Amino acid sequence: MSDSIETLIKRIEELESQAAFQDELFESLNATVAKQDGEIVELRRQFIVLNERVKDFEGVVPGGGPQDETPPHY
């Protein structure tokens, strides 16, 4: 009977170890996702700024707008 109890104890300890590892992994992944979310927000902000700058140049540079481009077949 003690063999079965020892086996159960070992299995429980292994499960506890796996649960602890999964908790650490979950926290690590959560931190990574939070960091990436901040990076995405910053990249979106930069994209908006760059997009506005491109629009500003379209009015200044002759032929800068897409409406002024001639199709390649002409």
PDB file of N, CA and C in Angstrom:
ATOM      1  N   MET A   1       0.821  -1.193   0.000  1.00  0.00           N
ATOM      2  CA  MET A   1       0.000   0.000   0.000  1.00  0.00           C
ATOM      3  C   MET A   1       0.863   1.255   0.000  1.00  0.00           C
ATOM      4  N   SER A   2       2.021   1.188   0.647  1.00  0.00           N
ATOM      5  CA  SER A   2       2.872   2.378   0.714  1.00  0.00           C
ATOM      6  C   SER A   2       3.426   2.742  -0.655  1.00  0.00           C
ATOM      7  N   ASP A   3       3.604   1.731  -1.534  1.00  0.00           N
ATOM      8  CA  ASP A   3       4.069   2.025  -2.892  1.00  0.00           C
ATOM      9  C   ASP A   3       3.047   2.877  -3.641  1.00  0.00           C
ATOM     10  N   SER A   4       1.784   2.562  -3.478  1.00  0.00           N
ATOM     11  CA  SER A   4       0.759   3.323  -4.188  1.00  0.00           C
ATOM     12  C   SER A   4       0.652   4.741  -3.624  1.00  0.00           C
ATOM     13  N   ILE A   5       0.844   4.882  -2.325  1.00  0.00           N
ATOM     14  CA  ILE A   5       0.811   6.218  -1.718  1.00  0.00           C
ATOM     15  C   ILE A   5       2.020   7.034  -2.181  1.00  0.00           C
ATOM     16  N   GLU A   6       3.181   6.392  -2.208  1.00  0.00           N
ATOM     17  CA  GLU A   6       4.380   7.083  -2.683  1.00  0.00           C
ATOM     18  C   GLU A   6       4.237   7.477  -4.148  1.00  0.00           C
ATOM     19  N   THR A   7       3.643   6.609  -4.934  1.00  0.00           N
ATOM     20  CA  THR A   7       3.410   6.912  -6.342  1.00  0.00           C
ATOM     21  C   THR A   7       2.466   8.100  -6.479  1.00  0.00           C
ATOM     22  N   LEU A   8       1.412   8.111  -5.684  1.00  0.00           N
ATOM     23  CA  LEU A   8       0.470   9.225  -5.715  1.00  0.00           C
ATOM     24  C   LEU A   8       1.134  10.527  -5.285  1.00  0.00           C
ATOM     25  N   ILE A   9       1.962  10.444  -4.268  1.00  0.00           N
ATOM     26  CA  ILE A   9       2.673  11.635  -3.791  1.00  0.00           C
ATOM     27  C   ILE A   9       3.590  12.165  -4.886  1.00  0.00           C
ATOM     28  N   LYS A  10       4.311  11.266  -5.559  1.00  0.00           N
ATOM     29  CA  LYS A  10       5.194  11.693  -6.650  1.00  0.00           C
ATOM     30  C   LYS A  10       4.398  12.331  -7.785  1.00  0.00           C
ATOM     31  N   ARG A  11       3.257  11.750  -8.106  1.00  0.00           N
ATOM     32  CA  ARG A  11       2.421  12.298  -9.171  1.00  0.00           C
ATOM     33  C   ARG A  11       1.899  13.685  -8.785  1.00  0.00           C
ATOM     34  N   ILE A  12       1.496  13.836  -7.529  1.00  0.00           N
ATOM     35  CA  ILE A  12       1.006  15.134  -7.059  1.00  0.00           C
ATOM     36  C   ILE A  12       2.125  16.175  -7.105  1.00  0.00           C
ATOM     37  N   GLU A  13       3.311  15.778  -6.667  1.00  0.00           N
ATOM     38  CA  GLU A  13       4.443  16.705  -6.706  1.00  0.00           C
ATOM     39  C   GLU A  13       4.779  17.104  -8.139  1.00  0.00           C
ATOM     40  N   GLU A  14       4.710  16.155  -9.059  1.00  0.00           N
ATOM     41  CA  GLU A  14       4.964  16.464 -10.468  1.00  0.00           C
ATOM     42  C   GLU A  14       3.906  17.421 -11.008  1.00  0.00           C
ATOM     43  N   LEU A  15       2.657  17.199 -10.665  1.00  0.00           N
ATOM     44  CA  LEU A  15       1.586  18.090 -11.096  1.00  0.00           C
ATOM     45  C   LEU A  15       1.755  19.486 -10.509  1.00  0.00           C
ATOM     46  N   GLU A  16       2.166  19.562  -9.246  1.00  0.00           N
ATOM     47  CA  GLU A  16       2.405  20.864  -8.630  1.00  0.00           C
ATOM     48  C   GLU A  16       3.553  21.590  -9.319  1.00  0.00           C
ATOM     49  N   SER A  17       4.587  20.842  -9.682  1.00  0.00           N
ATOM     50  CA  SER A  17       5.724  21.423 -10.385  1.00  0.00           C
ATOM     51  C   SER A  17       5.293  21.943 -11.757  1.00  0.00           C
ATOM     52  N   GLN A  18       4.496  21.163 -12.466  1.00  0.00           N
ATOM     53  CA  GLN A  18       4.003  21.595 -13.771  1.00  0.00           C
ATOM     54  C   GLN A  18       3.112  22.829 -13.644  1.00  0.00           C
ATOM     55  N   ALA A  19       2.280  22.871 -12.631  1.00  0.00           N
ATOM     56  CA  ALA A  19       1.400  24.027 -12.420  1.00  0.00           C
ATOM     57  C   ALA A  19       2.229  25.277 -12.128  1.00  0.00           C
ATOM     58  N   ALA A  20       3.281  25.138 -11.335  1.00  0.00           N
ATOM     59  CA  ALA A  20       4.142  26.280 -11.029  1.00  0.00           C
ATOM     60  C   ALA A  20       4.842  26.771 -12.297  1.00  0.00           C
ATOM     61  N   PHE A  21       5.316  25.831 -13.115  1.00  0.00           N
ATOM     62  CA  PHE A  21       5.960  26.202 -14.375  1.00  0.00           C
ATOM     63  C   PHE A  21       4.975  26.927 -15.282  1.00  0.00           C
ATOM     64  N   GLN A  22       3.752  26.432 -15.371  1.00  0.00           N
ATOM     65  CA  GLN A  22       2.745  27.068 -16.213  1.00  0.00           C
ATOM     66  C   GLN A  22       2.384  28.459 -15.695  1.00  0.00           C
ATOM     67  N   ASP A  23       2.357  28.638 -14.386  1.00  0.00           N
ATOM     68  CA  ASP A  23       2.102  29.965 -13.824  1.00  0.00           C
ATOM     69  C   ASP A  23       3.206  30.947 -14.223  1.00  0.00           C
ATOM     70  N   GLU A  24       4.456  30.497 -14.132  1.00  0.00           N
ATOM     71  CA  GLU A  24       5.577  31.355 -14.525  1.00  0.00           C
ATOM     72  C   GLU A  24       5.512  31.678 -16.014  1.00  0.00           C
ATOM     73  N   LEU A  25       5.192  30.670 -16.821  1.00  0.00           N
ATOM     74  CA  LEU A  25       5.084  30.870 -18.259  1.00  0.00           C
ATOM     75  C   LEU A  25       3.957  31.847 -18.584  1.00  0.00           C
ATOM     76  N   PHE A  26       2.837  31.703 -17.905  1.00  0.00           N
ATOM     77  CA  PHE A  26       1.707  32.598 -18.108  1.00  0.00           C
ATOM     78  C   PHE A  26       2.089  34.039 -17.791  1.00  0.00           C
ATOM     79  N   GLU A  27       2.767  34.263 -16.693  1.00  0.00           N
ATOM     80  CA  GLU A  27       3.196  35.608 -16.309  1.00  0.00           C
ATOM     81  C   GLU A  27       4.173  36.181 -17.335  1.00  0.00           C
ATOM     82  N   SER A  28       5.088  35.347 -17.805  1.00  0.00           N
ATOM     83  CA  SER A  28       6.053  35.792 -18.804  1.00  0.00           C
ATOM     84  C   SER A  28       5.356  36.173 -20.111  1.00  0.00           C
ATOM     85  N   LEU A  29       4.430  35.341 -20.552  1.00  0.00           N
ATOM     86  CA  LEU A  29       3.688  35.631 -21.782  1.00  0.00           C
ATOM     87  C   LEU A  29       2.823  36.875 -21.619  1.00  0.00           C
ATOM     88  N   ASN A  30       2.237  37.045 -20.461  1.00  0.00           N
ATOM     89  CA  ASN A  30       1.417  38.224 -20.193  1.00  0.00           C
ATOM     90  C   ASN A  30       2.265  39.498 -20.277  1.00  0.00           C
ATOM     91  N   ALA A  31       3.456  39.446 -19.717  1.00  0.00           N
ATOM     92  CA  ALA A  31       4.356  40.600 -19.772  1.00  0.00           C
ATOM     93  C   ALA A  31       4.769  40.891 -21.216  1.00  0.00           C
ATOM     94  N   THR A  32       5.013  39.847 -21.992  1.00  0.00           N
ATOM     95  CA  THR A  32       5.388  40.020 -23.394  1.00  0.00           C
ATOM     96  C   THR A  32       4.256  40.659 -24.184  1.00  0.00           C
ATOM     97  N   VAL A  33       3.044  40.191 -23.962  1.00  0.00           N
ATOM     98  CA  VAL A  33       1.886  40.749 -24.670  1.00  0.00           C
ATOM     99  C   VAL A  33       1.681  42.207 -24.286  1.00  0.00           C
ATOM    100  N   ALA A  34       1.834  42.529 -23.019  1.00  0.00           N
ATOM    101  CA  ALA A  34       1.674  43.913 -22.575  1.00  0.00           C
ATOM    102  C   ALA A  34       2.731  44.810 -23.225  1.00  0.00           C
ATOM    103  N   LYS A  35       3.964  44.329 -23.304  1.00  0.00           N
ATOM    104  CA  LYS A  35       5.040  45.097 -23.937  1.00  0.00           C
ATOM    105  C   LYS A  35       4.736  45.301 -25.424  1.00  0.00           C
ATOM    106  N   GLN A  36       4.307  44.245 -26.098  1.00  0.00           N
ATOM    107  CA  GLN A  36       3.999  44.348 -27.516  1.00  0.00           C
ATOM    108  C   GLN A  36       2.821  45.286 -27.765  1.00  0.00           C
ATOM    109  N   ASP A  37       1.865  45.296 -26.862  1.00  0.00           N
ATOM    110  CA  ASP A  37       0.737  46.209 -27.000  1.00  0.00           C
ATOM    111  C   ASP A  37       1.223  47.659 -26.977  1.00  0.00           C
ATOM    112  N   GLY A  38       2.125  47.962 -26.060  1.00  0.00           N
ATOM    113  CA  GLY A  38       2.690  49.309 -25.999  1.00  0.00           C
ATOM    114  C   GLY A  38       3.454  49.657 -27.264  1.00  0.00           C
ATOM    115  N   GLU A  39       4.197  48.681 -27.798  1.00  0.00           N
ATOM    116  CA  GLU A  39       4.943  48.915 -29.026  1.00  0.00           C
ATOM    117  C   GLU A  39       3.994  49.154 -30.200  1.00  0.00           C
ATOM    118  N   ILE A  40       2.905  48.414 -30.257  1.00  0.00           N
ATOM    119  CA  ILE A  40       1.930  48.590 -31.335  1.00  0.00           C
ATOM    120  C   ILE A  40       1.305  49.978 -31.259  1.00  0.00           C
ATOM    121  N   VAL A  41       0.975  50.418 -30.062  1.00  0.00           N
ATOM    122  CA  VAL A  41       0.403  51.763 -29.895  1.00  0.00           C
ATOM    123  C   VAL A  41       1.389  52.810 -30.392  1.00  0.00           C
ATOM    124  N   GLU A  42       2.647  52.668 -30.039  1.00  0.00           N
ATOM    125  CA  GLU A  42       3.664  53.625 -30.475  1.00  0.00           C
ATOM    126  C   GLU A  42       3.844  53.574 -31.990  1.00  0.00           C
ATOM    127  N   LEU A  43       3.862  52.392 -32.573  1.00  0.00           N
ATOM    128  CA  LEU A  43       4.004  52.278 -34.028  1.00  0.00           C
ATOM    129  C   LEU A  43       2.819  52.894 -34.759  1.00  0.00           C
ATOM    130  N   ARG A  44       1.628  52.722 -34.216  1.00  0.00           N
ATOM    131  CA  ARG A  44       0.454  53.356 -34.827  1.00  0.00           C
ATOM    132  C   ARG A  44       0.575  54.877 -34.785  1.00  0.00           C
ATOM    133  N   ARG A  45       1.049  55.390 -33.663  1.00  0.00           N
ATOM    134  CA  ARG A  45       1.222  56.837 -33.532  1.00  0.00           C
ATOM    135  C   ARG A  45       2.242  57.332 -34.553  1.00  0.00           C
ATOM    136  N   GLN A  46       3.353  56.612 -34.687  1.00  0.00           N
ATOM    137  CA  GLN A  46       4.373  56.998 -35.651  1.00  0.00           C
ATOM    138  C   GLN A  46       3.839  56.924 -37.083  1.00  0.00           C
ATOM    139  N   PHE A  47       3.043  55.908 -37.364  1.00  0.00           N
ATOM    140  CA  PHE A  47       2.462  55.766 -38.697  1.00  0.00           C
ATOM    141  C   PHE A  47       1.568  56.955 -39.027  1.00  0.00           C
ATOM    142  N   ILE A  48       0.769  57.371 -38.072  1.00  0.00           N
ATOM    143  CA  ILE A  48      -0.118  58.516 -38.292  1.00  0.00           C
ATOM    144  C   ILE A  48       0.696  59.767 -38.576  1.00  0.00           C
ATOM    145  N   VAL A  49       1.757  59.978 -37.806  1.00  0.00           N
ATOM    146  CA  VAL A  49       2.612  61.148 -38.009  1.00  0.00           C
ATOM    147  C   VAL A  49       3.267  61.100 -39.391  1.00  0.00           C
ATOM    148  N   LEU A  50       3.806  59.947 -39.758  1.00  0.00           N
ATOM    149  CA  LEU A  50       4.446  59.820 -41.067  1.00  0.00           C
ATOM    150  C   LEU A  50       3.446  59.982 -42.205  1.00  0.00           C
ATOM    151  N   ASN A  51       2.268  59.446 -42.026  1.00  0.00           N
ATOM    152  CA  ASN A  51       1.234  59.576 -43.041  1.00  0.00           C
ATOM    153  C   ASN A  51       0.872  61.054 -43.257  1.00  0.00           C
ATOM    154  N   GLU A  52       0.779  61.804 -42.173  1.00  0.00           N
ATOM    155  CA  GLU A  52       0.495  63.234 -42.284  1.00  0.00           C
ATOM    156  C   GLU A  52       1.630  63.966 -42.992  1.00  0.00           C
ATOM    157  N   ARG A  53       2.866  63.573 -42.707  1.00  0.00           N
ATOM    158  CA  ARG A  53       4.011  64.211 -43.366  1.00  0.00           C
ATOM    159  C   ARG A  53       4.005  63.932 -44.863  1.00  0.00           C
ATOM    160  N   VAL A  54       3.658  62.711 -45.238  1.00  0.00           N
ATOM    161  CA  VAL A  54       3.581  62.372 -46.661  1.00  0.00           C
ATOM    162  C   VAL A  54       2.496  63.196 -47.335  1.00  0.00           C
ATOM    163  N   LYS A  55       1.363  63.344 -46.680  1.00  0.00           N
ATOM    164  CA  LYS A  55       0.286  64.155 -47.246  1.00  0.00           C
ATOM    165  C   LYS A  55       0.735  65.602 -47.415  1.00  0.00           C
ATOM    166  N   ASP A  56       1.505  66.116 -46.448  1.00  0.00           N
ATOM    167  CA  ASP A  56       2.019  67.480 -46.556  1.00  0.00           C
ATOM    168  C   ASP A  56       2.948  67.636 -47.759  1.00  0.00           C
ATOM    169  N   PHE A  57       3.788  66.630 -48.023  1.00  0.00           N
ATOM    170  CA  PHE A  57       4.714  66.698 -49.143  1.00  0.00           C
ATOM    171  C   PHE A  57       4.006  66.564 -50.484  1.00  0.00           C
ATOM    172  N   GLU A  58       2.892  65.879 -50.540  1.00  0.00           N
ATOM    173  CA  GLU A  58       2.170  65.714 -51.799  1.00  0.00           C
ATOM    174  C   GLU A  58       1.752  67.063 -52.372  1.00  0.00           C
ATOM    175  N   GLY A  59       1.418  68.001 -51.522  1.00  0.00           N
ATOM    176  CA  GLY A  59       1.028  69.319 -51.989  1.00  0.00           C
ATOM    177  C   GLY A  59       2.199  70.189 -52.375  1.00  0.00           C
ATOM    178  N   VAL A  60       3.402  69.916 -51.852  1.00  0.00           N
ATOM    179  CA  VAL A  60       4.573  70.752 -52.071  1.00  0.00           C
ATOM    180  C   VAL A  60       5.384  70.276 -53.272  1.00  0.00           C
ATOM    181  N   VAL A  61       5.565  68.990 -53.409  1.00  0.00           N
ATOM    182  CA  VAL A  61       6.403  68.423 -54.462  1.00  0.00           C
ATOM    183  C   VAL A  61       5.581  68.300 -55.743  1.00  0.00           C
ATOM    184  N   PRO A  62       6.066  68.859 -56.852  1.00  0.00           N
ATOM    185  CA  PRO A  62       5.324  68.724 -58.109  1.00  0.00           C
ATOM    186  C   PRO A  62       5.232  67.255 -58.526  1.00  0.00           C
ATOM    187  N   GLY A  63       4.047  66.852 -58.899  1.00  0.00           N
ATOM    188  CA  GLY A  63       3.835  65.454 -59.277  1.00  0.00           C
ATOM    189  C   GLY A  63       3.908  64.509 -58.102  1.00  0.00           C
ATOM    190  N   GLY A  64       3.805  65.047 -56.895  1.00  0.00           N
ATOM    191  CA  GLY A  64       3.942  64.214 -55.704  1.00  0.00           C
ATOM    192  C   GLY A  64       2.716  63.395 -55.385  1.00  0.00           C
ATOM    193  N   GLY A  65       1.560  63.839 -55.866  1.00  0.00           N
ATOM    194  CA  GLY A  65       0.331  63.110 -55.562  1.00  0.00           C
ATOM    195  C   GLY A  65       0.099  61.969 -56.528  1.00  0.00           C
ATOM    196  N   PRO A  66      -0.580  60.950 -56.112  1.00  0.00           N
ATOM    197  CA  PRO A  66      -0.838  59.814 -56.990  1.00  0.00           C
ATOM    198  C   PRO A  66      -1.733  60.199 -58.166  1.00  0.00           C
ATOM    199  N   GLN A  67      -2.531  61.245 -58.057  1.00  0.00           N
ATOM    200  CA  GLN A  67      -3.401  61.652 -59.150  1.00  0.00           C
ATOM    201  C   GLN A  67      -2.592  62.237 -60.302  1.00  0.00           C
ATOM    202  N   ASP A  68      -1.350  62.668 -60.053  1.00  0.00           N
ATOM    203  CA  ASP A  68      -0.514  63.253 -61.083  1.00  0.00           C
ATOM    204  C   ASP A  68       0.342  62.220 -61.828  1.00  0.00           C
ATOM    205  N   GLU A  69       0.322  61.006 -61.398  1.00  0.00           N
ATOM    206  CA  GLU A  69       1.131  59.965 -62.024  1.00  0.00           C
ATOM    207  C   GLU A  69       0.489  59.528 -63.336  1.00  0.00           C
ATOM    208  N   THR A  70       1.326  59.359 -64.357  1.00  0.00           N
ATOM    209  CA  THR A  70       0.799  58.843 -65.612  1.00  0.00           C
ATOM    210  C   THR A  70       0.866  57.333 -65.594  1.00  0.00           C
ATOM    211  N   PRO A  71      -0.128  56.681 -66.118  1.00  0.00           N
ATOM    212  CA  PRO A  71      -0.108  55.221 -66.129  1.00  0.00           C
ATOM    213  C   PRO A  71       1.079  54.704 -66.934  1.00  0.00           C
ATOM    214  N   PRO A  72       1.612  53.546 -66.592  1.00  0.00           N
ATOM    215  CA  PRO A  72       2.813  53.035 -67.258  1.00  0.00           C
ATOM    216  C   PRO A  72       2.590  52.726 -68.738  1.00  0.00           C
ATOM    217  N   HIS A  73       1.368  52.552 -69.195  1.00  0.00           N
ATOM    218  CA  HIS A  73       1.146  52.200 -70.594  1.00  0.00           C
ATOM    219  C   HIS A  73       1.126  53.412 -71.519  1.00  0.00           C
ATOM    220  N   TYR A  74       1.287  54.633 -71.002  1.00  0.00           N
ATOM    221  CA  TYR A  74       1.321  55.833 -71.844  1.00  0.00           C
ATOM    222  C   TYR A  74       2.721  56.226 -72.171  1.00  0.00           C
TER     223      TYR A  74
END
